[in-house]
Amino acid sequence: MIGDNGFDARWLGKSIRERHWHFHRRLLERYDIVLAPGEFSEMLKDIATGRAPLVQRRSVKSAVYMVRNRRLFERFFVLVTNGEVKTALPPSKALRRARRALPE
């Protein structure tokens, strides 16, 4: 699907909402991951349905989830506040410990 110039043709006619750019920039910066079209929506669905495990409750309105990207076989941590994805958190020892403590 990716052409000789590195462009993924699945992005034709698609876009990323401005309020989500911060998340995508941090995901690239911290995990070197660029999501393919549809993977962000899949991630949101995983969070909403409980498929992405809750790793840490930060407050009544804020929580950290561990998301798995099935295409890349990668895991990353996402901060959700008021039901909205805010940022991709850097992998830390504390978050990895919290993830390992989760029931399988």
Protein backbone atom coordinates (compact mmCIF):
# COMPACT_ATOMS: atom_id res chain seq x y z
CA MET A 1 0.00 0.00 0.00
CA ILE A 2 2.95 2.34 0.49
CA GLY A 3 4.26 3.77 -2.76
CA ASP A 4 7.84 4.43 -3.83
CA ASN A 5 7.64 7.92 -2.35
CA GLY A 6 6.66 6.59 1.12
CA PHE A 7 3.05 7.76 0.89
CA ASP A 8 0.39 5.34 2.08
CA ALA A 9 -2.42 5.51 -0.50
CA ARG A 10 -4.98 4.65 2.19
CA TRP A 11 -4.57 8.26 3.39
CA LEU A 12 -6.03 9.69 0.16
CA GLY A 13 -9.14 11.64 1.11
CA LYS A 14 -8.51 11.10 4.84
CA SER A 15 -7.34 13.56 7.48
CA ILE A 16 -6.48 13.87 11.15
CA ARG A 17 -8.55 16.27 13.23
CA GLU A 18 -6.57 19.20 14.59
CA ARG A 19 -7.35 18.31 18.21
CA HIS A 20 -5.66 14.91 17.71
CA TRP A 21 -2.40 16.18 16.21
CA HIS A 22 -0.73 16.49 19.62
CA PHE A 23 -1.36 12.80 20.27
CA HIS A 24 0.01 11.76 16.86
CA ARG A 25 3.14 13.92 17.24
CA ARG A 26 3.87 12.47 20.70
CA LEU A 27 3.25 8.92 19.43
CA LEU A 28 5.82 9.45 16.68
CA GLU A 29 8.27 11.18 19.02
CA ARG A 30 8.03 8.67 21.88
CA TYR A 31 7.39 5.36 20.10
CA ASP A 32 8.35 6.05 16.46
CA ILE A 33 4.84 4.97 15.40
CA VAL A 34 2.71 6.46 12.63
CA LEU A 35 -0.80 5.07 12.66
CA ALA A 36 -2.33 3.87 9.42
CA PRO A 37 -5.81 5.04 8.41
CA GLY A 38 -8.40 3.50 10.71
CA GLU A 39 -5.98 2.57 13.49
CA PHE A 40 -6.81 5.66 15.57
CA SER A 41 -10.52 4.78 15.41
CA GLU A 42 -9.66 1.18 16.29
CA MET A 43 -7.68 2.44 19.28
CA LEU A 44 -10.64 4.56 20.45
CA LYS A 45 -12.93 1.54 20.14
CA ASP A 46 -10.47 -0.61 22.13
CA ILE A 47 -10.44 1.98 24.92
CA ALA A 48 -14.23 2.36 24.94
CA THR A 49 -14.92 -1.39 24.99
CA GLY A 50 -12.30 -2.28 27.58
CA ARG A 51 -10.07 -4.21 25.19
CA ALA A 52 -7.29 -1.72 26.01
CA PRO A 53 -6.60 -2.33 29.70
CA LEU A 54 -6.75 0.47 32.23
CA VAL A 55 -3.22 0.72 33.60
CA GLN A 56 -3.55 3.64 35.98
CA ARG A 57 -6.35 5.88 37.21
CA ARG A 58 -4.85 9.36 37.65
CA SER A 59 -7.98 11.17 38.80
CA VAL A 60 -11.74 10.94 38.46
CA LYS A 61 -11.46 12.36 34.93
CA SER A 62 -8.07 11.04 33.81
CA ALA A 63 -6.70 7.55 33.15
CA VAL A 64 -3.85 5.77 31.38
CA TYR A 65 -4.56 2.87 29.02
CA MET A 66 -2.22 0.42 27.34
CA VAL A 67 -3.04 0.12 23.65
CA ARG A 68 -1.79 -2.61 21.33
CA ASN A 69 -1.28 -1.87 17.68
CA ARG A 70 -2.04 -5.16 15.97
CA ARG A 71 -0.34 -4.24 12.69
CA LEU A 72 2.98 -3.35 14.31
CA PHE A 73 2.75 -5.66 17.34
CA GLU A 74 3.60 -2.64 19.51
CA ARG A 75 2.20 -1.43 22.83
CA PHE A 76 1.98 2.18 23.93
CA PHE A 77 0.45 4.16 26.78
CA VAL A 78 -2.34 6.68 26.16
CA LEU A 79 -3.61 9.39 28.52
CA VAL A 80 -7.38 9.89 28.32
CA THR A 81 -9.02 12.85 30.04
CA ASN A 82 -12.78 13.43 30.08
CA GLY A 83 -13.18 10.61 27.56
CA GLU A 84 -10.82 12.28 25.05
CA VAL A 85 -7.38 11.02 24.03
CA LYS A 86 -4.86 13.65 25.07
CA THR A 87 -1.37 12.26 24.52
CA ALA A 88 0.87 9.24 24.15
CA LEU A 89 2.82 8.94 27.37
CA PRO A 90 6.48 7.96 27.30
CA PRO A 91 7.16 4.41 28.47
CA SER A 92 8.28 4.59 32.08
CA LYS A 93 9.26 2.01 34.66
CA ALA A 94 6.17 2.85 36.71
CA LEU A 95 3.79 2.32 33.78
CA ARG A 96 5.49 -0.93 32.76
CA ARG A 97 5.25 -2.18 36.37
CA ALA A 98 1.57 -1.23 36.48
CA ARG A 99 0.98 -3.05 33.18
CA ARG A 100 2.69 -6.21 34.44
CA ALA A 101 0.55 -6.11 37.60
CA LEU A 102 -2.63 -6.34 35.51
CA PRO A 103 -4.52 -9.63 35.56
CA GLU A 104 -4.11 -11.57 32.30
